[in-house]
């Protein structure tokens, strides 16, 4: 049975940064490291709300990205 060994987690916020000449959305992202594995969805939601408040751009997406090693 394989085991996943947690390495790190990050939160990535994607913001709208304007539009191209053909009307496509320009996206900019910011990544915040050192997210605990045990962080709940409510805690992450609070953090995302606070961090997005520091930007004047509208937020398009918020993601929690975990990485780890798979061991057999």
PDB file of N, CA and C in Angstrom:
ATOM      1  N   UNK A   1       0.845  -1.173   0.000  1.00  0.00           N
ATOM      2  CA  UNK A   1       0.000   0.000   0.000  1.00  0.00           C
ATOM      3  C   UNK A   1       0.892   1.239   0.000  1.00  0.00           C
ATOM      4  N   UNK A   2       0.582   2.185  -0.848  1.00  0.00           N
ATOM      5  CA  UNK A   2       1.373   3.406  -0.971  1.00  0.00           C
ATOM      6  C   UNK A   2       0.998   4.404   0.118  1.00  0.00           C
ATOM      7  N   UNK A   3       1.985   5.184   0.521  1.00  0.00           N
ATOM      8  CA  UNK A   3       1.803   6.228   1.540  1.00  0.00           C
ATOM      9  C   UNK A   3       2.259   7.552   0.934  1.00  0.00           C
ATOM     10  N   UNK A   4       1.496   8.607   1.178  1.00  0.00           N
ATOM     11  CA  UNK A   4       1.903   9.940   0.729  1.00  0.00           C
ATOM     12  C   UNK A   4       2.486  10.677   1.921  1.00  0.00           C
ATOM     13  N   UNK A   5       3.743  11.081   1.784  1.00  0.00           N
ATOM     14  CA  UNK A   5       4.441  11.816   2.833  1.00  0.00           C
ATOM     15  C   UNK A   5       4.341  13.318   2.518  1.00  0.00           C
ATOM     16  N   UNK A   6       3.588  14.055   3.306  1.00  0.00           N
ATOM     17  CA  UNK A   6       3.355  15.492   3.096  1.00  0.00           C
ATOM     18  C   UNK A   6       4.676  16.262   3.103  1.00  0.00           C
ATOM     19  N   UNK A   7       4.874  17.123   2.090  1.00  0.00           N
ATOM     20  CA  UNK A   7       6.063  17.975   2.032  1.00  0.00           C
ATOM     21  C   UNK A   7       5.720  19.424   2.352  1.00  0.00           C
ATOM     22  N   UNK A   8       4.789  19.993   1.585  1.00  0.00           N
ATOM     23  CA  UNK A   8       4.419  21.389   1.810  1.00  0.00           C
ATOM     24  C   UNK A   8       3.048  21.672   1.202  1.00  0.00           C
ATOM     25  N   UNK A   9       2.478  22.800   1.607  1.00  0.00           N
ATOM     26  CA  UNK A   9       1.216  23.265   1.026  1.00  0.00           C
ATOM     27  C   UNK A   9       1.333  24.770   0.804  1.00  0.00           C
ATOM     28  N   UNK A  10       0.719  25.233  -0.259  1.00  0.00           N
ATOM     29  CA  UNK A  10       0.711  26.664  -0.572  1.00  0.00           C
ATOM     30  C   UNK A  10      -0.712  27.073  -0.926  1.00  0.00           C
ATOM     31  N   UNK A  11      -0.990  28.353  -0.787  1.00  0.00           N
ATOM     32  CA  UNK A  11      -2.248  28.933  -1.248  1.00  0.00           C
ATOM     33  C   UNK A  11      -1.905  29.859  -2.407  1.00  0.00           C
ATOM     34  N   UNK A  12      -2.601  29.643  -3.539  1.00  0.00           N
ATOM     35  CA  UNK A  12      -2.373  30.498  -4.707  1.00  0.00           C
ATOM     36  C   UNK A  12      -3.647  31.277  -4.995  1.00  0.00           C
ATOM     37  N   UNK A  13      -3.525  32.597  -5.021  1.00  0.00           N
ATOM     38  CA  UNK A  13      -4.645  33.479  -5.359  1.00  0.00           C
ATOM     39  C   UNK A  13      -4.449  33.985  -6.778  1.00  0.00           C
ATOM     40  N   UNK A  14      -5.491  33.916  -7.584  1.00  0.00           N
ATOM     41  CA  UNK A  14      -5.441  34.395  -8.955  1.00  0.00           C
ATOM     42  C   UNK A  14      -6.351  35.613  -9.066  1.00  0.00           C
ATOM     43  N   UNK A  15      -5.787  36.698  -9.596  1.00  0.00           N
ATOM     44  CA  UNK A  15      -6.500  37.970  -9.702  1.00  0.00           C
ATOM     45  C   UNK A  15      -6.693  38.355 -11.164  1.00  0.00           C
ATOM     46  N   UNK A  16      -7.740  39.136 -11.409  1.00  0.00           N
ATOM     47  CA  UNK A  16      -7.956  39.717 -12.727  1.00  0.00           C
ATOM     48  C   UNK A  16      -7.097  40.968 -12.840  1.00  0.00           C
ATOM     49  N   UNK A  17      -6.290  41.028 -13.909  1.00  0.00           N
ATOM     50  CA  UNK A  17      -5.375  42.163 -14.069  1.00  0.00           C
ATOM     51  C   UNK A  17      -5.701  42.998 -15.296  1.00  0.00           C
ATOM     52  N   UNK A  18      -6.873  42.821 -15.855  1.00  0.00           N
ATOM     53  CA  UNK A  18      -7.263  43.591 -17.029  1.00  0.00           C
ATOM     54  C   UNK A  18      -7.670  42.672 -18.163  1.00  0.00           C
ATOM     55  N   UNK A  19      -7.717  43.245 -19.377  1.00  0.00           N
ATOM     56  CA  UNK A  19      -8.142  42.493 -20.554  1.00  0.00           C
ATOM     57  C   UNK A  19      -7.190  42.741 -21.706  1.00  0.00           C
ATOM     58  N   UNK A  20      -7.048  41.730 -22.563  1.00  0.00           N
ATOM     59  CA  UNK A  20      -6.244  41.887 -23.776  1.00  0.00           C
ATOM     60  C   UNK A  20      -7.079  42.625 -24.814  1.00  0.00           C
ATOM     61  N   UNK A  21      -6.471  42.917 -25.951  1.00  0.00           N
ATOM     62  CA  UNK A  21      -7.194  43.602 -27.021  1.00  0.00           C
ATOM     63  C   UNK A  21      -8.337  42.754 -27.578  1.00  0.00           C
ATOM     64  N   UNK A  22      -8.204  41.407 -27.496  1.00  0.00           N
ATOM     65  CA  UNK A  22      -9.305  40.563 -27.985  1.00  0.00           C
ATOM     66  C   UNK A  22     -10.308  40.219 -26.890  1.00  0.00           C
ATOM     67  N   UNK A  23     -10.225  40.854 -25.737  1.00  0.00           N
ATOM     68  CA  UNK A  23     -11.224  40.690 -24.693  1.00  0.00           C
ATOM     69  C   UNK A  23     -10.975  39.551 -23.721  1.00  0.00           C
ATOM     70  N   UNK A  24      -9.803  38.914 -23.798  1.00  0.00           N
ATOM     71  CA  UNK A  24      -9.490  37.830 -22.861  1.00  0.00           C
ATOM     72  C   UNK A  24      -8.973  38.420 -21.550  1.00  0.00           C
ATOM     73  N   UNK A  25      -9.268  37.727 -20.455  1.00  0.00           N
ATOM     74  CA  UNK A  25      -8.872  38.188 -19.130  1.00  0.00           C
ATOM     75  C   UNK A  25      -7.370  37.942 -18.922  1.00  0.00           C
ATOM     76  N   UNK A  26      -6.675  38.955 -18.420  1.00  0.00           N
ATOM     77  CA  UNK A  26      -5.271  38.809 -18.015  1.00  0.00           C
ATOM     78  C   UNK A  26      -5.284  38.417 -16.547  1.00  0.00           C
ATOM     79  N   UNK A  27      -4.583  37.332 -16.223  1.00  0.00           N
ATOM     80  CA  UNK A  27      -4.566  36.825 -14.852  1.00  0.00           C
ATOM     81  C   UNK A  27      -3.186  36.986 -14.238  1.00  0.00           C
ATOM     82  N   UNK A  28      -3.161  37.384 -12.988  1.00  0.00           N
ATOM     83  CA  UNK A  28      -1.932  37.470 -12.198  1.00  0.00           C
ATOM     84  C   UNK A  28      -2.154  36.644 -10.945  1.00  0.00           C
ATOM     85  N   UNK A  29      -1.107  35.960 -10.492  1.00  0.00           N
ATOM     86  CA  UNK A  29      -1.288  35.144  -9.287  1.00  0.00           C
ATOM     87  C   UNK A  29      -0.221  35.459  -8.251  1.00  0.00           C
ATOM     88  N   UNK A  30      -0.581  35.209  -7.008  1.00  0.00           N
ATOM     89  CA  UNK A  30       0.329  35.340  -5.867  1.00  0.00           C
ATOM     90  C   UNK A  30       0.277  34.031  -5.100  1.00  0.00           C
ATOM     91  N   UNK A  31       1.445  33.552  -4.675  1.00  0.00           N
ATOM     92  CA  UNK A  31       1.527  32.293  -3.949  1.00  0.00           C
ATOM     93  C   UNK A  31       2.040  32.560  -2.544  1.00  0.00           C
ATOM     94  N   UNK A  32       1.386  31.956  -1.571  1.00  0.00           N
ATOM     95  CA  UNK A  32       1.752  32.111  -0.165  1.00  0.00           C
ATOM     96  C   UNK A  32       2.115  30.736   0.382  1.00  0.00           C
ATOM     97  N   UNK A  33       3.315  30.624   0.907  1.00  0.00           N
ATOM     98  CA  UNK A  33       3.846  29.338   1.360  1.00  0.00           C
ATOM     99  C   UNK A  33       3.613  29.130   2.854  1.00  0.00           C
ATOM    100  N   UNK A  34       4.098  28.009   3.349  1.00  0.00           N
ATOM    101  CA  UNK A  34       4.056  27.646   4.773  1.00  0.00           C
ATOM    102  C   UNK A  34       2.640  27.443   5.289  1.00  0.00           C
ATOM    103  N   UNK A  35       1.779  26.861   4.482  1.00  0.00           N
ATOM    104  CA  UNK A  35       0.431  26.525   4.911  1.00  0.00           C
ATOM    105  C   UNK A  35       0.501  25.179   5.636  1.00  0.00           C
ATOM    106  N   UNK A  36      -0.093  25.108   6.804  1.00  0.00           N
ATOM    107  CA  UNK A  36      -0.074  23.861   7.567  1.00  0.00           C
ATOM    108  C   UNK A  36      -0.987  22.824   6.916  1.00  0.00           C
ATOM    109  N   UNK A  37      -0.581  21.576   7.008  1.00  0.00           N
ATOM    110  CA  UNK A  37      -1.372  20.487   6.462  1.00  0.00           C
ATOM    111  C   UNK A  37      -2.724  20.405   7.162  1.00  0.00           C
ATOM    112  N   UNK A  38      -2.761  20.759   8.431  1.00  0.00           N
ATOM    113  CA  UNK A  38      -3.979  20.630   9.229  1.00  0.00           C
ATOM    114  C   UNK A  38      -4.931  21.829   9.103  1.00  0.00           C
ATOM    115  N   UNK A  39      -4.606  22.812   8.256  1.00  0.00           N
ATOM    116  CA  UNK A  39      -5.463  23.994   8.101  1.00  0.00           C
ATOM    117  C   UNK A  39      -6.831  23.584   7.556  1.00  0.00           C
ATOM    118  N   UNK A  40      -7.887  24.038   8.217  1.00  0.00           N
ATOM    119  CA  UNK A  40      -9.247  23.698   7.783  1.00  0.00           C
ATOM    120  C   UNK A  40      -9.688  24.620   6.646  1.00  0.00           C
ATOM    121  N   UNK A  41     -10.762  24.242   5.979  1.00  0.00           N
ATOM    122  CA  UNK A  41     -11.281  25.066   4.885  1.00  0.00           C
ATOM    123  C   UNK A  41     -11.777  26.415   5.396  1.00  0.00           C
ATOM    124  N   UNK A  42     -12.341  26.451   6.606  1.00  0.00           N
ATOM    125  CA  UNK A  42     -12.786  27.717   7.182  1.00  0.00           C
ATOM    126  C   UNK A  42     -11.602  28.637   7.464  1.00  0.00           C
ATOM    127  N   UNK A  43     -10.522  28.077   7.996  1.00  0.00           N
ATOM    128  CA  UNK A  43      -9.327  28.872   8.271  1.00  0.00           C
ATOM    129  C   UNK A  43      -8.723  29.404   6.981  1.00  0.00           C
ATOM    130  N   UNK A  44      -8.651  28.571   5.957  1.00  0.00           N
ATOM    131  CA  UNK A  44      -8.113  29.017   4.673  1.00  0.00           C
ATOM    132  C   UNK A  44      -9.011  30.079   4.047  1.00  0.00           C
ATOM    133  N   UNK A  45     -10.316  29.927   4.190  1.00  0.00           N
ATOM    134  CA  UNK A  45     -11.246  30.926   3.675  1.00  0.00           C
ATOM    135  C   UNK A  45     -11.043  32.276   4.335  1.00  0.00           C
ATOM    136  N   UNK A  46     -10.812  32.277   5.654  1.00  0.00           N
ATOM    137  CA  UNK A  46     -10.545  33.528   6.369  1.00  0.00           C
ATOM    138  C   UNK A  46      -9.256  34.180   5.875  1.00  0.00           C
ATOM    139  N   UNK A  47      -8.229  33.369   5.692  1.00  0.00           N
ATOM    140  CA  UNK A  47      -6.941  33.894   5.229  1.00  0.00           C
ATOM    141  C   UNK A  47      -7.063  34.453   3.817  1.00  0.00           C
ATOM    142  N   UNK A  48      -7.768  33.738   2.953  1.00  0.00           N
ATOM    143  CA  UNK A  48      -7.967  34.213   1.579  1.00  0.00           C
ATOM    144  C   UNK A  48      -8.713  35.546   1.574  1.00  0.00           C
ATOM    145  N   UNK A  49      -9.716  35.678   2.417  1.00  0.00           N
ATOM    146  CA  UNK A  49     -10.460  36.941   2.496  1.00  0.00           C
ATOM    147  C   UNK A  49      -9.563  38.088   2.926  1.00  0.00           C
ATOM    148  N   UNK A  50      -8.722  37.835   3.900  1.00  0.00           N
ATOM    149  CA  UNK A  50      -7.809  38.875   4.380  1.00  0.00           C
ATOM    150  C   UNK A  50      -6.789  39.242   3.316  1.00  0.00           C
ATOM    151  N   UNK A  51      -6.153  38.221   2.710  1.00  0.00           N
ATOM    152  CA  UNK A  51      -5.124  38.488   1.706  1.00  0.00           C
ATOM    153  C   UNK A  51      -5.701  39.168   0.465  1.00  0.00           C
ATOM    154  N   UNK A  52      -6.879  38.762   0.034  1.00  0.00           N
ATOM    155  CA  UNK A  52      -7.469  39.389  -1.155  1.00  0.00           C
ATOM    156  C   UNK A  52      -7.868  40.837  -0.877  1.00  0.00           C
ATOM    157  N   UNK A  53      -8.085  41.168   0.379  1.00  0.00           N
ATOM    158  CA  UNK A  53      -8.404  42.545   0.752  1.00  0.00           C
ATOM    159  C   UNK A  53      -7.251  43.511   0.556  1.00  0.00           C
ATOM    160  N   UNK A  54      -6.018  42.975   0.464  1.00  0.00           N
ATOM    161  CA  UNK A  54      -4.853  43.826   0.248  1.00  0.00           C
ATOM    162  C   UNK A  54      -4.676  44.217  -1.213  1.00  0.00           C
ATOM    163  N   UNK A  55      -5.456  43.629  -2.097  1.00  0.00           N
ATOM    164  CA  UNK A  55      -5.346  43.906  -3.526  1.00  0.00           C
ATOM    165  C   UNK A  55      -6.555  44.698  -4.001  1.00  0.00           C
ATOM    166  N   UNK A  56      -6.331  45.582  -4.945  1.00  0.00           N
ATOM    167  CA  UNK A  56      -7.443  46.322  -5.541  1.00  0.00           C
ATOM    168  C   UNK A  56      -8.047  45.552  -6.710  1.00  0.00           C
ATOM    169  N   UNK A  57      -7.410  44.455  -7.113  1.00  0.00           N
ATOM    170  CA  UNK A  57      -7.899  43.647  -8.231  1.00  0.00           C
ATOM    171  C   UNK A  57      -8.929  42.630  -7.753  1.00  0.00           C
ATOM    172  N   UNK A  58      -9.909  42.306  -8.594  1.00  0.00           N
ATOM    173  CA  UNK A  58     -10.891  41.272  -8.224  1.00  0.00           C
ATOM    174  C   UNK A  58     -10.240  39.887  -8.217  1.00  0.00           C
ATOM    175  N   UNK A  59     -10.615  39.063  -7.236  1.00  0.00           N
ATOM    176  CA  UNK A  59     -10.062  37.721  -7.134  1.00  0.00           C
ATOM    177  C   UNK A  59     -10.878  36.773  -8.017  1.00  0.00           C
ATOM    178  N   UNK A  60     -10.182  35.940  -8.774  1.00  0.00           N
ATOM    179  CA  UNK A  60     -10.836  34.971  -9.652  1.00  0.00           C
ATOM    180  C   UNK A  60     -10.849  33.573  -9.046  1.00  0.00           C
ATOM    181  N   UNK A  61      -9.772  33.211  -8.337  1.00  0.00           N
ATOM    182  CA  UNK A  61      -9.682  31.848  -7.795  1.00  0.00           C
ATOM    183  C   UNK A  61      -8.735  31.817  -6.605  1.00  0.00           C
ATOM    184  N   UNK A  62      -8.980  30.848  -5.728  1.00  0.00           N
ATOM    185  CA  UNK A  62      -8.098  30.572  -4.597  1.00  0.00           C
ATOM    186  C   UNK A  62      -7.918  29.062  -4.541  1.00  0.00           C
ATOM    187  N   UNK A  63      -6.657  28.611  -4.455  1.00  0.00           N
ATOM    188  CA  UNK A  63      -6.364  27.191  -4.468  1.00  0.00           C
ATOM    189  C   UNK A  63      -5.411  26.828  -3.345  1.00  0.00           C
ATOM    190  N   UNK A  64      -5.618  25.666  -2.760  1.00  0.00           N
ATOM    191  CA  UNK A  64      -4.643  25.088  -1.848  1.00  0.00           C
ATOM    192  C   UNK A  64      -3.963  23.975  -2.613  1.00  0.00           C
ATOM    193  N   UNK A  65      -2.642  24.048  -2.706  1.00  0.00           N
ATOM    194  CA  UNK A  65      -1.878  23.072  -3.467  1.00  0.00           C
ATOM    195  C   UNK A  65      -0.941  22.354  -2.509  1.00  0.00           C
ATOM    196  N   UNK A  66      -1.092  21.040  -2.406  1.00  0.00           N
ATOM    197  CA  UNK A  66      -0.243  20.226  -1.546  1.00  0.00           C
ATOM    198  C   UNK A  66       0.711  19.399  -2.394  1.00  0.00           C
ATOM    199  N   UNK A  67       1.928  19.243  -1.898  1.00  0.00           N
ATOM    200  CA  UNK A  67       2.881  18.352  -2.555  1.00  0.00           C
ATOM    201  C   UNK A  67       3.361  17.336  -1.525  1.00  0.00           C
ATOM    202  N   UNK A  68       3.745  16.188  -2.032  1.00  0.00           N
ATOM    203  CA  UNK A  68       4.226  15.143  -1.159  1.00  0.00           C
ATOM    204  C   UNK A  68       4.935  14.067  -1.937  1.00  0.00           C
ATOM    205  N   UNK A  69       5.608  13.195  -1.225  1.00  0.00           N
ATOM    206  CA  UNK A  69       6.303  12.063  -1.818  1.00  0.00           C
ATOM    207  C   UNK A  69       5.428  10.825  -1.685  1.00  0.00           C
ATOM    208  N   UNK A  70       5.343  10.047  -2.743  1.00  0.00           N
ATOM    209  CA  UNK A  70       4.587   8.798  -2.699  1.00  0.00           C
ATOM    210  C   UNK A  70       5.593   7.671  -2.471  1.00  0.00           C
ATOM    211  N   UNK A  71       5.353   6.918  -1.413  1.00  0.00           N
ATOM    212  CA  UNK A  71       6.257   5.824  -1.057  1.00  0.00           C
ATOM    213  C   UNK A  71       5.479   4.522  -1.065  1.00  0.00           C
ATOM    214  N   UNK A  72       6.112   3.496  -1.617  1.00  0.00           N
ATOM    215  CA  UNK A  72       5.477   2.168  -1.643  1.00  0.00           C
ATOM    216  C   UNK A  72       5.788   1.390  -0.401  1.00  0.00           C
TER     217      UNK A  72
END
